[in-house]
C-alpha atoms as a PDB file:
ATOM      1  CA  UNK A   1      13.604 -23.296 -11.844  1.00  0.00           C
ATOM      2  CA  UNK A   2      15.506 -25.137  -9.059  1.00  0.00           C
ATOM      3  CA  UNK A   3      13.757 -25.417  -5.707  1.00  0.00           C
ATOM      4  CA  UNK A   4      16.461 -23.408  -3.920  1.00  0.00           C
ATOM      5  CA  UNK A   5      18.356 -20.563  -5.539  1.00  0.00           C
ATOM      6  CA  UNK A   6      21.039 -18.468  -3.908  1.00  0.00           C
ATOM      7  CA  UNK A   7      20.183 -14.835  -3.287  1.00  0.00           C
ATOM      8  CA  UNK A   8      22.580 -13.834  -6.081  1.00  0.00           C
ATOM      9  CA  UNK A   9      21.015 -16.246  -8.588  1.00  0.00           C
ATOM     10  CA  UNK A  10      17.480 -15.164  -7.746  1.00  0.00           C
ATOM     11  CA  UNK A  11      18.481 -11.507  -7.887  1.00  0.00           C
ATOM     12  CA  UNK A  12      20.056 -11.999 -11.325  1.00  0.00           C
ATOM     13  CA  UNK A  13      16.895 -13.603 -12.682  1.00  0.00           C
ATOM     14  CA  UNK A  14      14.749 -10.809 -11.285  1.00  0.00           C
ATOM     15  CA  UNK A  15      17.023  -8.213 -12.903  1.00  0.00           C
ATOM     16  CA  UNK A  16      16.420  -9.853 -16.290  1.00  0.00           C
ATOM     17  CA  UNK A  17      12.653  -9.565 -15.828  1.00  0.00           C
ATOM     18  CA  UNK A  18      11.987 -13.233 -15.029  1.00  0.00           C
ATOM     19  CA  UNK A  19       8.389 -13.160 -13.777  1.00  0.00           C
ATOM     20  CA  UNK A  20       8.525 -16.566 -12.134  1.00  0.00           C
ATOM     21  CA  UNK A  21      11.582 -15.465 -10.195  1.00  0.00           C
ATOM     22  CA  UNK A  22       9.851 -12.232  -9.198  1.00  0.00           C
ATOM     23  CA  UNK A  23       6.721 -14.042  -7.998  1.00  0.00           C
ATOM     24  CA  UNK A  24       8.861 -16.508  -6.110  1.00  0.00           C
ATOM     25  CA  UNK A  25      10.829 -13.693  -4.481  1.00  0.00           C
ATOM     26  CA  UNK A  26       7.672 -11.949  -3.301  1.00  0.00           C
ATOM     27  CA  UNK A  27       6.445 -15.218  -1.792  1.00  0.00           C
ATOM     28  CA  UNK A  28       9.802 -15.483  -0.038  1.00  0.00           C
ATOM     29  CA  UNK A  29       9.670 -11.986   1.482  1.00  0.00           C
ATOM     30  CA  UNK A  30       6.078 -12.576   2.611  1.00  0.00           C
ATOM     31  CA  UNK A  31       7.054 -15.728   4.492  1.00  0.00           C
ATOM     32  CA  UNK A  32       7.327 -15.597   8.278  1.00  0.00           C
ATOM     33  CA  UNK A  33       9.715 -18.568   8.533  1.00  0.00           C
ATOM     34  CA  UNK A  34      13.036 -17.594  10.098  1.00  0.00           C
ATOM     35  CA  UNK A  35      15.110 -19.310   7.378  1.00  0.00           C
ATOM     36  CA  UNK A  36      13.030 -17.609   4.670  1.00  0.00           C
ATOM     37  CA  UNK A  37      13.472 -14.220   6.336  1.00  0.00           C
ATOM     38  CA  UNK A  38      17.240 -14.668   6.278  1.00  0.00           C
ATOM     39  CA  UNK A  39      17.167 -15.517   2.567  1.00  0.00           C
ATOM     40  CA  UNK A  40      14.783 -12.627   1.881  1.00  0.00           C
ATOM     41  CA  UNK A  41      17.066 -10.133   3.594  1.00  0.00           C
ATOM     42  CA  UNK A  42      20.053 -11.388   1.603  1.00  0.00           C
ATOM     43  CA  UNK A  43      18.044 -11.050  -1.618  1.00  0.00           C
ATOM     44  CA  UNK A  44      16.907  -7.527  -0.767  1.00  0.00           C
ATOM     45  CA  UNK A  45      20.490  -6.516   0.004  1.00  0.00           C
ATOM     46  CA  UNK A  46      21.461  -7.696  -3.501  1.00  0.00           C
ATOM     47  CA  UNK A  47      18.643  -5.783  -5.187  1.00  0.00           C
ATOM     48  CA  UNK A  48      18.503  -2.601  -3.111  1.00  0.00           C
ATOM     49  CA  UNK A  49      20.999  -0.722  -5.347  1.00  0.00           C
ATOM     50  CA  UNK A  50      18.760  -1.479  -8.360  1.00  0.00           C
ATOM     51  CA  UNK A  51      15.517  -0.256  -6.763  1.00  0.00           C
ATOM     52  CA  UNK A  52      14.003   3.139  -6.035  1.00  0.00           C
ATOM     53  CA  UNK A  53      13.626   4.375  -9.606  1.00  0.00           C
ATOM     54  CA  UNK A  54       9.870   3.957  -9.964  1.00  0.00           C
ATOM     55  CA  UNK A  55       7.001   6.371  -9.466  1.00  0.00           C
ATOM     56  CA  UNK A  56       5.250   4.987  -6.379  1.00  0.00           C
ATOM     57  CA  UNK A  57       1.495   5.589  -6.257  1.00  0.00           C
ATOM     58  CA  UNK A  58      -0.837   4.543  -3.447  1.00  0.00           C
ATOM     59  CA  UNK A  59      -4.535   4.242  -4.273  1.00  0.00           C
ATOM     60  CA  UNK A  60      -7.372   3.912  -1.795  1.00  0.00           C
ATOM     61  CA  UNK A  61     -11.112   4.489  -1.807  1.00  0.00           C
ATOM     62  CA  UNK A  62     -14.380   3.430  -0.292  1.00  0.00           C
ATOM     63  CA  UNK A  63     -15.760  -0.016  -1.249  1.00  0.00           C
ATOM     64  CA  UNK A  64     -17.669   0.104  -4.517  1.00  0.00           C
ATOM     65  CA  UNK A  65     -15.867   3.154  -5.859  1.00  0.00           C
ATOM     66  CA  UNK A  66     -14.317   1.052  -8.628  1.00  0.00           C
ATOM     67  CA  UNK A  67     -10.664   0.870  -7.581  1.00  0.00           C
ATOM     68  CA  UNK A  68      -9.840  -2.219  -9.633  1.00  0.00           C
ATOM     69  CA  UNK A  69     -11.585  -0.890 -12.748  1.00  0.00           C
ATOM     70  CA  UNK A  70      -9.772   2.413 -12.308  1.00  0.00           C
ATOM     71  CA  UNK A  71      -6.380   0.793 -11.762  1.00  0.00           C
ATOM     72  CA  UNK A  72      -6.811  -1.354 -14.868  1.00  0.00           C
ATOM     73  CA  UNK A  73      -7.729   1.649 -17.042  1.00  0.00           C
ATOM     74  CA  UNK A  74      -4.978   3.749 -15.489  1.00  0.00           C
ATOM     75  CA  UNK A  75      -2.381   0.988 -15.806  1.00  0.00           C
ATOM     76  CA  UNK A  76      -3.155   0.365 -19.468  1.00  0.00           C
ATOM     77  CA  UNK A  77      -2.947   4.105 -20.171  1.00  0.00           C
ATOM     78  CA  UNK A  78       0.436   4.386 -18.460  1.00  0.00           C
ATOM     79  CA  UNK A  79       1.746   1.338 -20.330  1.00  0.00           C
ATOM     80  CA  UNK A  80       0.592   3.022 -23.516  1.00  0.00           C
ATOM     81  CA  UNK A  81       2.898   5.904 -22.605  1.00  0.00           C
ATOM     82  CA  UNK A  82       5.883   3.560 -22.573  1.00  0.00           C
ATOM     83  CA  UNK A  83       6.041   2.494 -18.929  1.00  0.00           C
ATOM     84  CA  UNK A  84       5.968  -0.858 -17.121  1.00  0.00           C
ATOM     85  CA  UNK A  85       3.409  -1.129 -14.333  1.00  0.00           C
ATOM     86  CA  UNK A  86       3.389  -3.293 -11.216  1.00  0.00           C
ATOM     87  CA  UNK A  87       0.272  -3.476  -9.043  1.00  0.00           C
ATOM     88  CA  UNK A  88       0.578  -4.664  -5.460  1.00  0.00           C
ATOM     89  CA  UNK A  89      -3.073  -5.221  -4.629  1.00  0.00           C
ATOM     90  CA  UNK A  90      -3.763  -5.744  -0.945  1.00  0.00           C
ATOM     91  CA  UNK A  91      -6.845  -7.949  -0.581  1.00  0.00           C
ATOM     92  CA  UNK A  92      -8.945  -8.498   2.548  1.00  0.00           C
ATOM     93  CA  UNK A  93      -7.800 -11.590   4.399  1.00  0.00           C
ATOM     94  CA  UNK A  94      -9.915 -14.702   4.712  1.00  0.00           C
ATOM     95  CA  UNK A  95     -10.357 -15.476   8.396  1.00  0.00           C
ATOM     96  CA  UNK A  96     -10.566 -19.182   7.487  1.00  0.00           C
ATOM     97  CA  UNK A  97      -7.534 -19.618   5.249  1.00  0.00           C
ATOM     98  CA  UNK A  98      -5.504 -16.464   5.833  1.00  0.00           C
ATOM     99  CA  UNK A  99      -5.364 -15.846   2.072  1.00  0.00           C
ATOM    100  CA  UNK A 100      -6.701 -13.152  -0.239  1.00  0.00           C
ATOM    101  CA  UNK A 101     -10.435 -13.399  -0.855  1.00  0.00           C
ATOM    102  CA  UNK A 102     -11.069 -10.981  -3.734  1.00  0.00           C
ATOM    103  CA  UNK A 103      -8.395 -12.003  -6.233  1.00  0.00           C
ATOM    104  CA  UNK A 104      -7.480  -8.759  -7.997  1.00  0.00           C
ATOM    105  CA  UNK A 105      -6.039 -10.582 -10.998  1.00  0.00           C
ATOM    106  CA  UNK A 106      -9.531 -11.760 -11.886  1.00  0.00           C
ATOM    107  CA  UNK A 107     -10.801  -8.179 -11.603  1.00  0.00           C
ATOM    108  CA  UNK A 108      -8.092  -6.757 -13.901  1.00  0.00           C
ATOM    109  CA  UNK A 109      -8.089  -9.303 -16.708  1.00  0.00           C
ATOM    110  CA  UNK A 110      -6.830  -7.063 -19.521  1.00  0.00           C
ATOM    111  CA  UNK A 111      -4.062  -5.564 -17.396  1.00  0.00           C
ATOM    112  CA  UNK A 112      -2.971  -8.922 -15.994  1.00  0.00           C
ATOM    113  CA  UNK A 113      -2.505 -10.293 -19.535  1.00  0.00           C
ATOM    114  CA  UNK A 114      -0.333  -7.387 -20.682  1.00  0.00           C
ATOM    115  CA  UNK A 115       3.385  -8.221 -20.988  1.00  0.00           C
ATOM    116  CA  UNK A 116       4.366  -4.887 -19.426  1.00  0.00           C
ATOM    117  CA  UNK A 117       2.221  -5.356 -16.321  1.00  0.00           C
ATOM    118  CA  UNK A 118       2.634  -7.417 -13.179  1.00  0.00           C
ATOM    119  CA  UNK A 119      -0.165  -7.861 -10.629  1.00  0.00           C
ATOM    120  CA  UNK A 120       0.374  -9.405  -7.246  1.00  0.00           C
ATOM    121  CA  UNK A 121      -2.549  -9.777  -4.810  1.00  0.00           C
ATOM    122  CA  UNK A 122      -1.508 -10.285  -1.204  1.00  0.00           C
ATOM    123  CA  UNK A 123      -3.583 -10.816   1.940  1.00  0.00           C
ATOM    124  CA  UNK A 124      -3.762  -7.785   4.219  1.00  0.00           C
ATOM    125  CA  UNK A 125      -3.589  -9.894   7.352  1.00  0.00           C
ATOM    126  CA  UNK A 126      -3.832  -7.886  10.550  1.00  0.00           C
ATOM    127  CA  UNK A 127      -1.562  -5.058   9.384  1.00  0.00           C
ATOM    128  CA  UNK A 128      -2.939  -1.619  10.119  1.00  0.00           C
ATOM    129  CA  UNK A 129      -4.249   0.238   7.090  1.00  0.00           C
ATOM    130  CA  UNK A 130      -4.852  -2.812   4.943  1.00  0.00           C
ATOM    131  CA  UNK A 131      -1.271  -2.887   3.717  1.00  0.00           C
ATOM    132  CA  UNK A 132       0.550  -6.210   3.790  1.00  0.00           C
ATOM    133  CA  UNK A 133       3.533  -6.061   6.105  1.00  0.00           C
ATOM    134  CA  UNK A 134       5.949  -6.903   3.318  1.00  0.00           C
ATOM    135  CA  UNK A 135       4.493  -4.573   0.691  1.00  0.00           C
ATOM    136  CA  UNK A 136       7.505  -2.266   0.999  1.00  0.00           C
ATOM    137  CA  UNK A 137       9.851  -5.129   0.240  1.00  0.00           C
ATOM    138  CA  UNK A 138       7.708  -6.325  -2.666  1.00  0.00           C
ATOM    139  CA  UNK A 139       7.915  -2.801  -4.063  1.00  0.00           C
ATOM    140  CA  UNK A 140      11.717  -2.947  -4.039  1.00  0.00           C
ATOM    141  CA  UNK A 141      11.562  -6.260  -5.893  1.00  0.00           C
ATOM    142  CA  UNK A 142       9.284  -5.052  -8.697  1.00  0.00           C
ATOM    143  CA  UNK A 143      11.438  -1.950  -9.100  1.00  0.00           C
ATOM    144  CA  UNK A 144      14.543  -4.086  -9.452  1.00  0.00           C
ATOM    145  CA  UNK A 145      12.672  -6.141 -12.085  1.00  0.00           C
ATOM    146  CA  UNK A 146      12.282  -3.010 -14.215  1.00  0.00           C
ATOM    147  CA  UNK A 147       8.770  -1.825 -13.398  1.00  0.00           C
ATOM    148  CA  UNK A 148       8.970   1.960 -13.289  1.00  0.00           C
ATOM    149  CA  UNK A 149       5.430   2.628 -12.011  1.00  0.00           C
ATOM    150  CA  UNK A 150       4.512   0.824  -8.791  1.00  0.00           C
ATOM    151  CA  UNK A 151       0.899   0.983  -7.601  1.00  0.00           C
ATOM    152  CA  UNK A 152      -0.236  -0.078  -4.129  1.00  0.00           C
ATOM    153  CA  UNK A 153      -3.988  -0.658  -3.834  1.00  0.00           C
ATOM    154  CA  UNK A 154      -5.298  -0.802  -0.271  1.00  0.00           C
ATOM    155  CA  UNK A 155      -8.396  -2.571   1.034  1.00  0.00           C
ATOM    156  CA  UNK A 156     -10.251   0.717   1.447  1.00  0.00           C
ATOM    157  CA  UNK A 157     -10.716   3.679   3.728  1.00  0.00           C
ATOM    158  CA  UNK A 158     -11.830   3.097   7.283  1.00  0.00           C
ATOM    159  CA  UNK A 159      -8.580   2.045   8.923  1.00  0.00           C
ATOM    160  CA  UNK A 160      -5.510   4.214   9.148  1.00  0.00           C
ATOM    161  CA  UNK A 161      -4.170   4.762   5.627  1.00  0.00           C
ATOM    162  CA  UNK A 162      -0.979   6.302   7.001  1.00  0.00           C
ATOM    163  CA  UNK A 163       0.718   2.977   6.254  1.00  0.00           C
ATOM    164  CA  UNK A 164       0.370   3.341   2.485  1.00  0.00           C
ATOM    165  CA  UNK A 165       1.017   7.096   2.508  1.00  0.00           C
ATOM    166  CA  UNK A 166       4.308   6.329   4.254  1.00  0.00           C
ATOM    167  CA  UNK A 167       5.577   4.117   1.448  1.00  0.00           C
ATOM    168  CA  UNK A 168       4.598   5.966  -1.744  1.00  0.00           C
ATOM    169  CA  UNK A 169       5.454   9.216  -3.520  1.00  0.00           C
ATOM    170  CA  UNK A 170       1.842  10.138  -4.256  1.00  0.00           C
ATOM    171  CA  UNK A 171      -1.305   9.098  -2.392  1.00  0.00           C
ATOM    172  CA  UNK A 172      -4.456   9.058  -4.558  1.00  0.00           C
ATOM    173  CA  UNK A 173      -7.904   9.024  -2.980  1.00  0.00           C
ATOM    174  CA  UNK A 174     -10.645   7.683  -5.253  1.00  0.00           C
ATOM    175  CA  UNK A 175     -14.139   8.891  -4.375  1.00  0.00           C
ATOM    176  CA  UNK A 176     -17.685   8.249  -5.644  1.00  0.00           C
ATOM    177  CA  UNK A 177     -19.740  10.841  -7.550  1.00  0.00           C
ATOM    178  CA  UNK A 178     -21.664  12.136  -4.550  1.00  0.00           C
ATOM    179  CA  UNK A 179     -21.286  14.879  -1.981  1.00  0.00           C
ATOM    180  CA  UNK A 180     -23.186  16.132   1.028  1.00  0.00           C
ATOM    181  CA  UNK A 181     -23.710  13.347   3.548  1.00  0.00           C
ATOM    182  CA  UNK A 182     -21.297  11.114   1.629  1.00  0.00           C
ATOM    183  CA  UNK A 183     -18.602  13.775   1.929  1.00  0.00           C
ATOM    184  CA  UNK A 184     -19.125  13.912   5.674  1.00  0.00           C
ATOM    185  CA  UNK A 185     -18.634  10.148   5.815  1.00  0.00           C
ATOM    186  CA  UNK A 186     -15.092  10.383   4.430  1.00  0.00           C
ATOM    187  CA  UNK A 187     -12.691  10.656   7.334  1.00  0.00           C
ATOM    188  CA  UNK A 188     -10.946  14.030   7.435  1.00  0.00           C
ATOM    189  CA  UNK A 189      -7.609  12.336   8.084  1.00  0.00           C
ATOM    190  CA  UNK A 190      -7.844  10.389   4.832  1.00  0.00           C
ATOM    191  CA  UNK A 191      -8.488  13.570   2.850  1.00  0.00           C
ATOM    192  CA  UNK A 192      -5.551  15.282   4.541  1.00  0.00           C
ATOM    193  CA  UNK A 193      -3.229  12.482   3.451  1.00  0.00           C
ATOM    194  CA  UNK A 194      -4.229  12.731  -0.217  1.00  0.00           C
ATOM    195  CA  UNK A 195      -1.922  14.279  -2.819  1.00  0.00           C
ATOM    196  CA  UNK A 196      -4.573  13.818  -5.513  1.00  0.00           C
ATOM    197  CA  UNK A 197      -8.332  13.296  -5.295  1.00  0.00           C
ATOM    198  CA  UNK A 198     -10.251  11.683  -8.153  1.00  0.00           C
ATOM    199  CA  UNK A 199     -14.015  11.327  -8.498  1.00  0.00           C
ATOM    200  CA  UNK A 200     -14.712   8.149 -10.464  1.00  0.00           C
ATOM    201  CA  UNK A 201     -17.796   7.065 -12.438  1.00  0.00           C
ATOM    202  CA  UNK A 202     -18.196  10.530 -14.006  1.00  0.00           C
ATOM    203  CA  UNK A 203     -20.312   9.254 -16.888  1.00  0.00           C
ATOM    204  CA  UNK A 204     -23.917   8.762 -17.955  1.00  0.00           C
ATOM    205  CA  UNK A 205     -26.506   9.613 -15.332  1.00  0.00           C
ATOM    206  CA  UNK A 206     -23.761  10.244 -12.778  1.00  0.00           C
ATOM    207  CA  UNK A 207     -21.915  12.910 -14.785  1.00  0.00           C
ATOM    208  CA  UNK A 208     -23.761  15.802 -13.150  1.00  0.00           C
ATOM    209  CA  UNK A 209     -23.317  14.289  -9.674  1.00  0.00           C
ATOM    210  CA  UNK A 210     -19.596  13.927 -10.360  1.00  0.00           C
ATOM    211  CA  UNK A 211     -19.265  17.598 -11.305  1.00  0.00           C
ATOM    212  CA  UNK A 212     -21.076  18.549  -8.107  1.00  0.00           C
ATOM    213  CA  UNK A 213     -18.839  16.242  -6.072  1.00  0.00           C
ATOM    214  CA  UNK A 214     -15.676  17.772  -7.543  1.00  0.00           C
ATOM    215  CA  UNK A 215     -16.906  21.229  -6.530  1.00  0.00           C
ATOM    216  CA  UNK A 216     -17.708  20.050  -2.999  1.00  0.00           C
ATOM    217  CA  UNK A 217     -14.382  18.317  -2.502  1.00  0.00           C
ATOM    218  CA  UNK A 218     -12.496  21.362  -3.789  1.00  0.00           C
ATOM    219  CA  UNK A 219     -14.376  23.520  -1.323  1.00  0.00           C
ATOM    220  CA  UNK A 220     -13.625  21.095   1.496  1.00  0.00           C
ATOM    221  CA  UNK A 221      -9.918  21.159   0.645  1.00  0.00           C
ATOM    222  CA  UNK A 222      -9.901  24.957   0.684  1.00  0.00           C
ATOM    223  CA  UNK A 223     -10.802  24.778   4.374  1.00  0.00           C
ATOM    224  CA  UNK A 224      -7.820  22.560   5.207  1.00  0.00           C
ATOM    225  CA  UNK A 225      -4.222  23.630   5.623  1.00  0.00           C
ATOM    226  CA  UNK A 226      -2.182  22.253   2.703  1.00  0.00           C
ATOM    227  CA  UNK A 227       0.155  19.430   3.690  1.00  0.00           C
ATOM    228  CA  UNK A 228       2.768  20.777   1.285  1.00  0.00           C
ATOM    229  CA  UNK A 229       3.145  24.485   0.649  1.00  0.00           C
ATOM    230  CA  UNK A 230       4.192  23.975  -2.984  1.00  0.00           C
ATOM    231  CA  UNK A 231       1.389  21.564  -3.935  1.00  0.00           C
ATOM    232  CA  UNK A 232      -2.304  22.398  -4.097  1.00  0.00           C
ATOM    233  CA  UNK A 233      -4.152  19.064  -4.132  1.00  0.00           C
ATOM    234  CA  UNK A 234      -5.989  18.701  -7.467  1.00  0.00           C
ATOM    235  CA  UNK A 235      -9.539  17.333  -7.554  1.00  0.00           C
ATOM    236  CA  UNK A 236     -10.284  15.630 -10.862  1.00  0.00           C
ATOM    237  CA  UNK A 237     -13.030  13.450 -12.290  1.00  0.00           C
ATOM    238  CA  UNK A 238     -12.822  10.455 -14.578  1.00  0.00           C
ATOM    239  CA  UNK A 239     -14.690   7.509 -15.987  1.00  0.00           C
ATOM    240  CA  UNK A 240     -12.668   4.338 -15.591  1.00  0.00           C
ATOM    241  CA  UNK A 241     -15.121   2.542 -17.909  1.00  0.00           C
ATOM    242  CA  UNK A 242     -14.678   4.931 -20.826  1.00  0.00           C
ATOM    243  CA  UNK A 243     -11.156   6.135 -20.036  1.00  0.00           C
ATOM    244  CA  UNK A 244     -12.274   9.763 -19.917  1.00  0.00           C
ATOM    245  CA  UNK A 245     -10.031  11.855 -17.669  1.00  0.00           C
ATOM    246  CA  UNK A 246      -7.344   9.192 -17.151  1.00  0.00           C
ATOM    247  CA  UNK A 247      -4.785  11.174 -19.151  1.00  0.00           C
ATOM    248  CA  UNK A 248      -5.271  14.216 -16.923  1.00  0.00           C
ATOM    249  CA  UNK A 249      -4.628  12.098 -13.820  1.00  0.00           C
ATOM    250  CA  UNK A 250      -1.346  10.819 -15.245  1.00  0.00           C
ATOM    251  CA  UNK A 251      -0.345  14.388 -16.117  1.00  0.00           C
ATOM    252  CA  UNK A 252      -0.947  15.498 -12.522  1.00  0.00           C
ATOM    253  CA  UNK A 253       1.104  12.583 -11.205  1.00  0.00           C
ATOM    254  CA  UNK A 254       3.907  13.647 -13.538  1.00  0.00           C
ATOM    255  CA  UNK A 255       3.648  17.252 -12.368  1.00  0.00           C
ATOM    256  CA  UNK A 256       3.803  16.115  -8.749  1.00  0.00           C
ATOM    257  CA  UNK A 257       6.902  13.987  -9.440  1.00  0.00           C
ATOM    258  CA  UNK A 258       8.588  16.899 -11.250  1.00  0.00           C
ATOM    259  CA  UNK A 259       7.908  19.131  -8.246  1.00  0.00           C
ATOM    260  CA  UNK A 260       9.312  16.595  -5.779  1.00  0.00           C
ATOM    261  CA  UNK A 261      12.409  16.069  -7.912  1.00  0.00           C
ATOM    262  CA  UNK A 262      12.939  19.792  -8.386  1.00  0.00           C
ATOM    263  CA  UNK A 263      12.858  20.863  -4.746  1.00  0.00           C
ATOM    264  CA  UNK A 264      14.546  17.798  -3.244  1.00  0.00           C
ATOM    265  CA  UNK A 265      11.357  16.668  -1.490  1.00  0.00           C
ATOM    266  CA  UNK A 266      11.447  13.195  -3.046  1.00  0.00           C
ATOM    267  CA  UNK A 267      14.824  12.406  -1.507  1.00  0.00           C
ATOM    268  CA  UNK A 268      13.714  13.742   1.873  1.00  0.00           C
ATOM    269  CA  UNK A 269      10.379  11.896   1.758  1.00  0.00           C
ATOM    270  CA  UNK A 270      11.939   8.557   0.898  1.00  0.00           C
ATOM    271  CA  UNK A 271      14.616   8.993   3.561  1.00  0.00           C
ATOM    272  CA  UNK A 272      11.932   9.615   6.187  1.00  0.00           C
ATOM    273  CA  UNK A 273       9.924   6.650   4.897  1.00  0.00           C
ATOM    274  CA  UNK A 274      12.991   4.429   5.250  1.00  0.00           C
ATOM    275  CA  UNK A 275      13.437   5.538   8.872  1.00  0.00           C
ATOM    276  CA  UNK A 276       9.744   4.928   9.593  1.00  0.00           C
ATOM    277  CA  UNK A 277      10.042   1.486   7.966  1.00  0.00           C
ATOM    278  CA  UNK A 278      12.981   0.615  10.227  1.00  0.00           C
ATOM    279  CA  UNK A 279      11.023   1.520  13.368  1.00  0.00           C
ATOM    280  CA  UNK A 280       8.000  -0.446  12.147  1.00  0.00           C
ATOM    281  CA  UNK A 281      10.234  -3.477  11.745  1.00  0.00           C
ATOM    282  CA  UNK A 282      11.635  -2.982  15.241  1.00  0.00           C
ATOM    283  CA  UNK A 283       8.163  -2.746  16.801  1.00  0.00           C
ATOM    284  CA  UNK A 284       6.751  -5.734  14.931  1.00  0.00           C
ATOM    285  CA  UNK A 285       9.768  -7.929  15.572  1.00  0.00           C
ATOM    286  CA  UNK A 286       9.801  -7.034  19.258  1.00  0.00           C
ATOM    287  CA  UNK A 287       6.104  -7.913  19.532  1.00  0.00           C
ATOM    288  CA  UNK A 288       6.614 -11.226  17.724  1.00  0.00           C
ATOM    289  CA  UNK A 289       9.526 -12.117  19.976  1.00  0.00           C
ATOM    290  CA  UNK A 290       7.544 -11.115  23.057  1.00  0.00           C
ATOM    291  CA  UNK A 291       4.528 -13.249  22.130  1.00  0.00           C
ATOM    292  CA  UNK A 292       6.721 -16.236  21.309  1.00  0.00           C
ATOM    293  CA  UNK A 293       8.372 -16.204  24.751  1.00  0.00           C
ATOM    294  CA  UNK A 294       7.441 -19.301  26.769  1.00  0.00           C
ATOM    295  CA  UNK A 295       6.848 -17.516  30.080  1.00  0.00           C
ATOM    296  CA  UNK A 296       4.719 -14.879  28.373  1.00  0.00           C
ATOM    297  CA  UNK A 297       2.622 -17.481  26.539  1.00  0.00           C
ATOM    298  CA  UNK A 298       1.971 -19.315  29.784  1.00  0.00           C
ATOM    299  CA  UNK A 299       0.926 -16.228  31.781  1.00  0.00           C
ATOM    300  CA  UNK A 300      -0.871 -14.274  29.055  1.00  0.00           C
ATOM    301  CA  UNK A 301      -4.288 -16.046  29.071  1.00  0.00           C
ATOM    302  CA  UNK A 302      -4.754 -15.646  32.834  1.00  0.00           C
ATOM    303  CA  UNK A 303      -3.606 -12.033  32.811  1.00  0.00           C
ATOM    304  CA  UNK A 304      -5.888 -11.207  29.870  1.00  0.00           C
ATOM    305  CA  UNK A 305      -8.813 -12.789  31.749  1.00  0.00           C
ATOM    306  CA  UNK A 306      -7.960 -10.958  34.973  1.00  0.00           C
ATOM    307  CA  UNK A 307      -7.628  -7.646  33.132  1.00  0.00           C
ATOM    308  CA  UNK A 308     -10.980  -8.121  31.378  1.00  0.00           C
ATOM    309  CA  UNK A 309     -12.632  -9.008  34.718  1.00  0.00           C
ATOM    310  CA  UNK A 310     -11.267  -5.896  36.393  1.00  0.00           C
ATOM    311  CA  UNK A 311      -9.160  -7.888  38.837  1.00  0.00           C
ATOM    312  CA  UNK A 312      -5.907  -6.276  37.737  1.00  0.00           C
ATOM    313  CA  UNK A 313      -5.131  -3.035  35.941  1.00  0.00           C
ATOM    314  CA  UNK A 314      -3.898  -3.208  32.347  1.00  0.00           C
ATOM    315  CA  UNK A 315      -0.710  -1.437  33.392  1.00  0.00           C
ATOM    316  CA  UNK A 316       0.043  -3.940  36.132  1.00  0.00           C
ATOM    317  CA  UNK A 317      -0.656  -6.868  33.781  1.00  0.00           C
ATOM    318  CA  UNK A 318       1.625  -5.396  31.127  1.00  0.00           C
ATOM    319  CA  UNK A 319       4.428  -4.846  33.652  1.00  0.00           C
ATOM    320  CA  UNK A 320       4.072  -8.424  34.881  1.00  0.00           C
ATOM    321  CA  UNK A 321       4.370  -9.787  31.366  1.00  0.00           C
ATOM    322  CA  UNK A 322       7.352  -7.588  30.562  1.00  0.00           C
ATOM    323  CA  UNK A 323       9.056  -8.715  33.777  1.00  0.00           C
ATOM    324  CA  UNK A 324       8.524 -12.341  32.746  1.00  0.00           C
ATOM    325  CA  UNK A 325       9.857 -11.552  29.289  1.00  0.00           C
ATOM    326  CA  UNK A 326      13.002  -9.966  30.654  1.00  0.00           C
ATOM    327  CA  UNK A 327      13.496 -12.934  32.966  1.00  0.00           C
ATOM    328  CA  UNK A 328      13.596 -10.983  36.207  1.00  0.00           C
END
């Protein structure tokens, strides 16, 4: 493939399912270089009319719950039902290199080898919620390449998961087979975001604990006001290792999609997500421009030190920096 392709050429290759072109395009949209951003935006404009047809699923869960094992089993099941699956796996970021440190492809070997699957690990960076800043754009690219089920795997609960909930159709919370104190440790806000809750590792010695956990989570949900009047959040169990219960999860995702399509909620949700995406871009671009300003860079270290030492109020320091930024 030539080193530089026009947006139209790259878009055409992606539309034919060219995996190298798709991987290259995702690298392009993840780049922070100004010339790359311009090319990325031209590419996205070409492909936008061909995107949006997938079922978008966000998956999160506490560390050790088995997200990668679950996603592999789930992805293979969905492929077996005639779909093409793309996984955008957001890895923790190495503080030394800035790259992904877990390497989800190595943790989903069978899925990564399947011709109807595409897995792309990306570093989370500093983005809130463990979602790479350009995950939304990568999702548009995989949709345009013909993948009709797009999965976003986040780093894990603990930060705000609103970021992933704001870019998918269904938000799945994967939980361990335990209740009681463990249930109390799951942030209420995360549970309230979930459209589907799944207790994993429901096999062997943990089968009884999983049944107990399902009962506890269902009780906990009964005490919360439903986020959507027409959808009662299901609590299911599964074993990603054996595949038990995976079919029921896919059925619930299908039922949720049918509901959203039927009452117009999918169109409204995606429209609101697009507006939220625009404002996120505005905020992040304004901050980047602000921090790159010469006067701001020169004054920032001293003002940060003075603020930390209590010599100036944070508000006064912020106003000073904004005045410098505006040039008056």
